[in-house]
Amino acid sequence: MPRVPSPAAAHIGDRIRSTRESSTMTQDQLAVRADIDSSNVRAYESGRAMPSIHTLLRIATAMHTPLDYFLTGLTLEMFPVTASDGRRRAG
């Protein structure tokens, strides 16, 4: 089954891609500068995977971009909630 990107992963991925493209950096160049695998860069940019805060900080540092740029605009509603995550539900 193909993974469907969460709105949060898609938002962060869009910001990574737009920042990378505006600096004319390739995915491979970003991967080398951030010391991550280029397949991960592709997964983040497509929204198929959510980078950890540690990885996102490495990406931000590699692109000379404040970390908060990638997080701006995120809302709690963008994160999927599963029935088994243990959080209390209103209702």
N, C-alpha and C. Protein backbone atom coordinates (compact mmCIF):
# COMPACT_ATOMS: atom_id res chain seq x y z
N MET A 1 0.84 -1.18 0.00
CA MET A 1 0.00 0.00 0.00
C MET A 1 0.89 1.24 0.00
N PRO A 2 0.65 2.19 -0.93
CA PRO A 2 1.48 3.39 -0.96
C PRO A 2 1.20 4.27 0.25
N ARG A 3 2.25 4.88 0.72
CA ARG A 3 2.10 5.77 1.87
C ARG A 3 1.51 7.09 1.41
N VAL A 4 0.53 7.57 2.13
CA VAL A 4 -0.09 8.85 1.82
C VAL A 4 0.56 9.89 2.72
N PRO A 5 1.07 10.96 2.14
CA PRO A 5 1.73 11.96 2.98
C PRO A 5 0.75 12.64 3.91
N SER A 6 1.21 12.89 5.13
CA SER A 6 0.39 13.68 6.05
C SER A 6 0.50 15.14 5.62
N PRO A 7 -0.49 15.93 5.94
CA PRO A 7 -0.37 17.36 5.62
C PRO A 7 0.87 18.00 6.24
N ALA A 8 1.27 17.56 7.43
CA ALA A 8 2.45 18.13 8.07
C ALA A 8 3.72 17.77 7.30
N ALA A 9 3.85 16.49 6.92
CA ALA A 9 5.03 16.06 6.15
C ALA A 9 5.07 16.75 4.80
N ALA A 10 3.90 16.90 4.16
CA ALA A 10 3.85 17.58 2.86
C ALA A 10 4.25 19.05 3.00
N HIS A 11 3.80 19.70 4.07
CA HIS A 11 4.14 21.11 4.31
C HIS A 11 5.65 21.29 4.48
N ILE A 12 6.23 20.48 5.34
CA ILE A 12 7.68 20.58 5.57
C ILE A 12 8.44 20.22 4.30
N GLY A 13 8.00 19.19 3.60
CA GLY A 13 8.64 18.80 2.36
C GLY A 13 8.61 19.89 1.31
N ASP A 14 7.47 20.57 1.19
CA ASP A 14 7.36 21.69 0.24
C ASP A 14 8.35 22.80 0.58
N ARG A 15 8.49 23.06 1.87
CA ARG A 15 9.42 24.11 2.28
C ARG A 15 10.88 23.71 2.05
N ILE A 16 11.19 22.45 2.28
CA ILE A 16 12.56 21.98 2.00
C ILE A 16 12.84 22.13 0.51
N ARG A 17 11.91 21.64 -0.32
CA ARG A 17 12.11 21.69 -1.77
C ARG A 17 12.23 23.13 -2.29
N SER A 18 11.32 24.01 -1.86
CA SER A 18 11.36 25.38 -2.37
C SER A 18 12.63 26.10 -1.95
N THR A 19 13.09 25.86 -0.72
CA THR A 19 14.33 26.48 -0.26
C THR A 19 15.52 25.93 -1.04
N ARG A 20 15.54 24.63 -1.23
CA ARG A 20 16.64 24.01 -1.97
C ARG A 20 16.68 24.53 -3.41
N GLU A 21 15.53 24.57 -4.06
CA GLU A 21 15.48 25.01 -5.46
C GLU A 21 15.84 26.49 -5.60
N SER A 22 15.43 27.32 -4.64
CA SER A 22 15.76 28.74 -4.74
C SER A 22 17.25 28.99 -4.55
N SER A 23 17.92 28.05 -3.91
CA SER A 23 19.37 28.19 -3.75
C SER A 23 20.12 27.42 -4.84
N THR A 24 19.39 26.91 -5.82
CA THR A 24 19.93 26.13 -6.95
C THR A 24 20.79 24.96 -6.49
N MET A 25 20.35 24.32 -5.42
CA MET A 25 21.04 23.16 -4.87
C MET A 25 20.29 21.91 -5.34
N THR A 26 21.02 20.87 -5.69
CA THR A 26 20.39 19.61 -6.05
C THR A 26 20.07 18.82 -4.79
N GLN A 27 19.23 17.80 -4.94
CA GLN A 27 18.94 16.93 -3.81
C GLN A 27 20.21 16.24 -3.33
N ASP A 28 21.05 15.83 -4.26
CA ASP A 28 22.30 15.17 -3.87
C ASP A 28 23.22 16.13 -3.12
N GLN A 29 23.29 17.37 -3.55
CA GLN A 29 24.13 18.35 -2.86
C GLN A 29 23.61 18.60 -1.45
N LEU A 30 22.30 18.72 -1.31
CA LEU A 30 21.73 18.90 0.02
C LEU A 30 22.05 17.70 0.90
N ALA A 31 21.91 16.52 0.36
CA ALA A 31 22.19 15.31 1.14
C ALA A 31 23.63 15.30 1.65
N VAL A 32 24.56 15.66 0.79
CA VAL A 32 25.97 15.69 1.20
C VAL A 32 26.19 16.75 2.27
N ARG A 33 25.64 17.94 2.06
CA ARG A 33 25.84 19.04 3.01
C ARG A 33 25.19 18.76 4.36
N ALA A 34 24.05 18.05 4.35
CA ALA A 34 23.34 17.76 5.60
C ALA A 34 23.76 16.42 6.18
N ASP A 35 24.61 15.69 5.47
CA ASP A 35 25.08 14.38 5.89
C ASP A 35 23.92 13.41 6.12
N ILE A 36 23.02 13.36 5.12
CA ILE A 36 21.92 12.41 5.12
C ILE A 36 21.87 11.74 3.75
N ASP A 37 21.15 10.66 3.65
CA ASP A 37 21.04 9.93 2.39
C ASP A 37 20.14 10.70 1.42
N SER A 38 20.52 10.72 0.14
CA SER A 38 19.73 11.45 -0.85
C SER A 38 18.33 10.86 -1.01
N SER A 39 18.16 9.57 -0.76
CA SER A 39 16.82 8.99 -0.84
C SER A 39 15.92 9.56 0.26
N ASN A 40 16.52 9.92 1.39
CA ASN A 40 15.74 10.57 2.45
C ASN A 40 15.31 11.96 2.04
N VAL A 41 16.19 12.69 1.37
CA VAL A 41 15.81 14.03 0.88
C VAL A 41 14.61 13.90 -0.05
N ARG A 42 14.64 12.94 -0.96
CA ARG A 42 13.52 12.74 -1.87
C ARG A 42 12.24 12.38 -1.11
N ALA A 43 12.35 11.54 -0.10
CA ALA A 43 11.19 11.15 0.70
C ALA A 43 10.63 12.34 1.48
N TYR A 44 11.49 13.17 2.03
CA TYR A 44 11.02 14.35 2.76
C TYR A 44 10.33 15.33 1.82
N GLU A 45 10.95 15.60 0.68
CA GLU A 45 10.40 16.57 -0.25
C GLU A 45 9.06 16.12 -0.83
N SER A 46 8.87 14.82 -0.98
CA SER A 46 7.61 14.31 -1.51
C SER A 46 6.55 14.17 -0.43
N GLY A 47 6.94 14.34 0.82
CA GLY A 47 6.01 14.21 1.93
C GLY A 47 5.76 12.78 2.35
N ARG A 48 6.53 11.83 1.80
CA ARG A 48 6.37 10.42 2.17
C ARG A 48 6.96 10.11 3.52
N ALA A 49 7.84 10.98 4.01
CA ALA A 49 8.49 10.76 5.31
C ALA A 49 8.62 12.10 6.02
N MET A 50 8.60 12.03 7.34
CA MET A 50 8.75 13.23 8.17
C MET A 50 10.14 13.20 8.79
N PRO A 51 10.94 14.24 8.54
CA PRO A 51 12.27 14.26 9.16
C PRO A 51 12.16 14.48 10.66
N SER A 52 13.09 13.89 11.40
CA SER A 52 13.17 14.17 12.83
C SER A 52 13.64 15.61 13.01
N ILE A 53 13.47 16.12 14.20
CA ILE A 53 13.95 17.48 14.48
C ILE A 53 15.45 17.57 14.25
N HIS A 54 16.18 16.54 14.66
CA HIS A 54 17.63 16.51 14.45
C HIS A 54 17.96 16.61 12.97
N THR A 55 17.30 15.82 12.14
CA THR A 55 17.55 15.84 10.70
C THR A 55 17.11 17.17 10.10
N LEU A 56 15.98 17.69 10.53
CA LEU A 56 15.51 18.97 10.01
C LEU A 56 16.49 20.09 10.36
N LEU A 57 17.08 20.03 11.53
CA LEU A 57 18.09 21.01 11.91
C LEU A 57 19.32 20.89 11.02
N ARG A 58 19.71 19.67 10.68
CA ARG A 58 20.85 19.48 9.77
C ARG A 58 20.54 20.05 8.39
N ILE A 59 19.31 19.84 7.92
CA ILE A 59 18.89 20.38 6.62
C ILE A 59 18.89 21.90 6.67
N ALA A 60 18.30 22.47 7.72
CA ALA A 60 18.25 23.92 7.86
C ALA A 60 19.65 24.52 7.89
N THR A 61 20.54 23.90 8.63
CA THR A 61 21.92 24.38 8.73
C THR A 61 22.61 24.31 7.37
N ALA A 62 22.40 23.21 6.66
CA ALA A 62 23.02 23.03 5.34
C ALA A 62 22.54 24.08 4.34
N MET A 63 21.29 24.54 4.52
CA MET A 63 20.73 25.54 3.59
C MET A 63 20.76 26.95 4.16
N HIS A 64 21.43 27.13 5.31
CA HIS A 64 21.54 28.46 5.93
C HIS A 64 20.16 29.10 6.11
N THR A 65 19.23 28.30 6.63
CA THR A 65 17.85 28.73 6.81
C THR A 65 17.45 28.48 8.26
N PRO A 66 16.77 29.43 8.90
CA PRO A 66 16.34 29.20 10.27
C PRO A 66 15.40 27.99 10.36
N LEU A 67 15.58 27.19 11.38
CA LEU A 67 14.75 26.01 11.57
C LEU A 67 13.27 26.35 11.59
N ASP A 68 12.92 27.45 12.22
CA ASP A 68 11.50 27.78 12.35
C ASP A 68 10.82 28.04 11.01
N TYR A 69 11.58 28.35 9.97
CA TYR A 69 10.98 28.53 8.64
C TYR A 69 10.24 27.26 8.21
N PHE A 70 10.82 26.11 8.49
CA PHE A 70 10.22 24.84 8.06
C PHE A 70 9.00 24.49 8.90
N LEU A 71 8.91 25.02 10.11
CA LEU A 71 7.81 24.71 11.03
C LEU A 71 6.68 25.72 10.97
N THR A 72 6.95 26.92 10.47
CA THR A 72 5.94 27.96 10.40
C THR A 72 4.77 27.50 9.55
N GLY A 73 3.59 27.66 10.09
CA GLY A 73 2.38 27.28 9.36
C GLY A 73 1.83 25.91 9.73
N LEU A 74 2.59 25.14 10.51
CA LEU A 74 2.09 23.84 10.94
C LEU A 74 1.00 24.03 12.00
N THR A 75 0.00 23.17 11.96
CA THR A 75 -1.04 23.16 12.98
C THR A 75 -1.21 21.73 13.48
N LEU A 76 -1.79 21.59 14.63
CA LEU A 76 -2.02 20.25 15.19
C LEU A 76 -2.89 19.41 14.27
N GLU A 77 -3.80 20.04 13.57
CA GLU A 77 -4.70 19.31 12.68
C GLU A 77 -3.96 18.67 11.50
N MET A 78 -2.75 19.11 11.22
CA MET A 78 -1.96 18.55 10.11
C MET A 78 -1.34 17.20 10.46
N PHE A 79 -1.37 16.84 11.73
CA PHE A 79 -0.78 15.58 12.17
C PHE A 79 -1.88 14.55 12.37
N PRO A 80 -1.73 13.38 11.73
CA PRO A 80 -2.76 12.35 11.88
C PRO A 80 -2.75 11.79 13.30
N VAL A 81 -3.93 11.48 13.79
CA VAL A 81 -4.08 10.88 15.10
C VAL A 81 -4.68 9.50 14.89
N THR A 82 -4.00 8.49 15.38
CA THR A 82 -4.52 7.13 15.25
C THR A 82 -5.23 6.72 16.53
N ALA A 83 -6.08 5.73 16.42
CA ALA A 83 -6.85 5.28 17.58
C ALA A 83 -5.97 4.70 18.67
N SER A 84 -4.79 4.24 18.33
CA SER A 84 -3.93 3.57 19.30
C SER A 84 -2.81 4.44 19.85
N ASP A 85 -2.88 5.76 19.63
CA ASP A 85 -1.76 6.58 20.09
C ASP A 85 -1.86 6.98 21.56
N GLY A 86 -2.97 6.64 22.23
CA GLY A 86 -3.06 6.90 23.67
C GLY A 86 -3.52 8.29 24.06
N ARG A 87 -3.76 9.16 23.10
CA ARG A 87 -4.21 10.49 23.45
C ARG A 87 -5.71 10.48 23.78
N ARG A 88 -6.08 11.35 24.69
CA ARG A 88 -7.50 11.48 25.03
C ARG A 88 -8.22 12.20 23.91
N ARG A 89 -9.43 11.82 23.71
CA ARG A 89 -10.26 12.43 22.69
C ARG A 89 -11.34 13.29 23.33
N ALA A 90 -11.61 14.41 22.72
CA ALA A 90 -12.72 15.24 23.18
C ALA A 90 -14.01 14.56 22.73
N GLY A 91 -15.01 14.72 23.49
CA GLY A 91 -16.25 14.16 22.99
C GLY A 91 -17.06 13.63 24.04
